[in-house]
Amino acid sequence: MTLWETVLTIAGLALITLLTRGFFILPARELPLPGWLREGLRHAPVGALVAVIAPDILMSQGQLIHQWRDARLFGLLAATLWFAWRRDMLGTILAGTAVMLILRLSLGW
């Protein structure tokens, strides 16, 4: 690839990124959205987080976990209980991680 092809490729990718992502940034005023879409977009980050984390917690090597002795399940339980009690994200992460670490190091789960 020549220098000009590289520059043209980078410029093209930057333009495509600006057009696709700038749709929400560039307008001078807020775009009118229906209420149902606005409500759905409000929950999109939580849905994406669940879609990323749930398979990691519930599956091992492409298969659903089939035994209760899994440190991830107890870490999830501890994190859920902490969040229900304190509503604190950092504490939730620390509680779940601590329980998982203790079970893996002490019991070898």
Protein backbone atom coordinates (compact mmCIF):
# COMPACT_ATOMS: atom_id res chain seq x y z
CA MET A 1 0.00 0.00 0.00
CA THR A 2 1.44 3.36 -0.97
CA LEU A 3 1.51 6.41 1.25
CA TRP A 4 -1.40 8.03 -0.62
CA GLU A 5 -3.52 4.90 -0.37
CA THR A 6 -2.87 4.79 3.37
CA VAL A 7 -3.78 8.46 3.80
CA LEU A 8 -6.91 8.02 1.65
CA THR A 9 -7.94 4.94 3.65
CA ILE A 10 -7.52 6.73 6.99
CA ALA A 11 -9.41 9.79 5.72
CA GLY A 12 -12.21 7.57 4.39
CA LEU A 13 -12.52 5.70 7.67
CA ALA A 14 -12.57 8.98 9.60
CA LEU A 15 -15.32 10.32 7.32
CA ILE A 16 -17.41 7.16 7.68
CA THR A 17 -16.99 7.28 11.47
CA LEU A 18 -17.98 10.95 11.58
CA LEU A 19 -21.07 10.37 9.45
CA THR A 20 -22.32 7.34 11.34
CA ARG A 21 -21.58 8.58 14.85
CA GLY A 22 -22.00 12.27 14.22
CA PHE A 23 -25.67 11.82 13.37
CA PHE A 24 -26.49 12.43 17.04
CA ILE A 25 -23.74 14.99 17.70
CA LEU A 26 -23.83 17.37 14.72
CA PRO A 27 -27.43 18.70 14.72
CA ALA A 28 -27.86 22.10 16.38
CA ARG A 29 -30.98 20.97 18.20
CA GLU A 30 -32.06 17.66 19.66
CA LEU A 31 -33.66 15.29 17.20
CA PRO A 32 -37.28 14.43 18.01
CA LEU A 33 -37.56 10.80 19.08
CA PRO A 34 -40.73 8.90 19.89
CA GLY A 35 -41.21 8.16 23.57
CA TRP A 36 -40.91 4.39 23.13
CA LEU A 37 -37.54 4.79 21.35
CA ARG A 38 -36.23 7.22 23.98
CA GLU A 39 -37.25 4.75 26.72
CA GLY A 40 -35.64 1.85 24.86
CA LEU A 41 -32.37 3.73 24.36
CA ARG A 42 -32.29 4.49 28.07
CA HIS A 43 -32.03 0.76 28.80
CA ALA A 44 -29.55 -0.07 26.01
CA PRO A 45 -26.36 0.13 28.14
CA VAL A 46 -27.77 -2.28 30.74
CA GLY A 47 -28.85 -4.68 27.99
CA ALA A 48 -25.41 -4.57 26.40
CA LEU A 49 -23.73 -5.18 29.75
CA VAL A 50 -25.95 -8.18 30.47
CA ALA A 51 -25.29 -9.57 26.98
CA VAL A 52 -21.55 -9.42 27.60
CA ILE A 53 -21.44 -10.60 31.22
CA ALA A 54 -24.18 -13.26 31.36
CA PRO A 55 -22.46 -15.79 29.06
CA ASP A 56 -19.22 -15.41 31.01
CA ILE A 57 -20.99 -16.14 34.30
CA LEU A 58 -23.32 -18.91 33.13
CA MET A 59 -21.12 -20.76 30.65
CA SER A 60 -17.79 -22.54 30.74
CA GLN A 61 -16.05 -23.58 27.51
CA GLY A 62 -19.24 -23.10 25.50
CA GLN A 63 -21.43 -25.20 27.79
CA LEU A 64 -23.83 -24.12 30.53
CA ILE A 65 -22.37 -24.77 33.95
CA HIS A 66 -24.04 -27.77 35.54
CA GLN A 67 -22.71 -27.75 39.10
CA TRP A 68 -23.34 -25.38 41.96
CA ARG A 69 -19.68 -25.36 43.05
CA ASP A 70 -18.63 -22.51 40.78
CA ALA A 71 -17.02 -19.41 42.25
CA ARG A 72 -18.70 -17.22 39.63
CA LEU A 73 -22.16 -18.06 40.93
CA PHE A 74 -21.26 -17.14 44.50
CA GLY A 75 -19.50 -13.99 43.29
CA LEU A 76 -22.65 -13.05 41.39
CA LEU A 77 -24.75 -13.70 44.49
CA ALA A 78 -22.46 -11.58 46.68
CA ALA A 79 -22.40 -8.74 44.14
CA THR A 80 -26.19 -8.81 43.78
CA LEU A 81 -26.73 -8.76 47.53
CA TRP A 82 -24.25 -5.92 47.98
CA PHE A 83 -25.92 -3.85 45.26
CA ALA A 84 -29.38 -4.49 46.71
CA TRP A 85 -28.12 -3.41 50.13
CA ARG A 86 -25.92 -0.39 49.31
CA ARG A 87 -26.62 0.62 45.67
CA ASP A 88 -22.89 1.17 45.24
CA MET A 89 -21.21 0.07 42.01
CA LEU A 90 -17.62 -0.02 43.32
CA GLY A 91 -18.67 -2.04 46.36
CA THR A 92 -20.61 -4.39 44.08
CA ILE A 93 -17.53 -5.07 41.98
CA LEU A 94 -15.31 -5.49 45.03
CA ALA A 95 -17.75 -7.81 46.84
CA GLY A 96 -18.18 -10.11 43.85
CA THR A 97 -14.48 -10.17 43.07
CA ALA A 98 -13.52 -10.81 46.70
CA VAL A 99 -15.89 -13.77 47.03
CA MET A 100 -14.67 -15.27 43.76
CA LEU A 101 -11.03 -14.80 44.75
CA ILE A 102 -11.52 -16.34 48.19
CA LEU A 103 -13.33 -19.38 46.79
CA ARG A 104 -10.81 -19.94 44.02
CA LEU A 105 -7.78 -19.59 46.25
CA SER A 106 -9.09 -21.46 49.30
CA LEU A 107 -11.26 -24.19 47.75
CA GLY A 108 -9.78 -24.35 44.26
CA TRP A 109 -13.09 -23.75 42.53
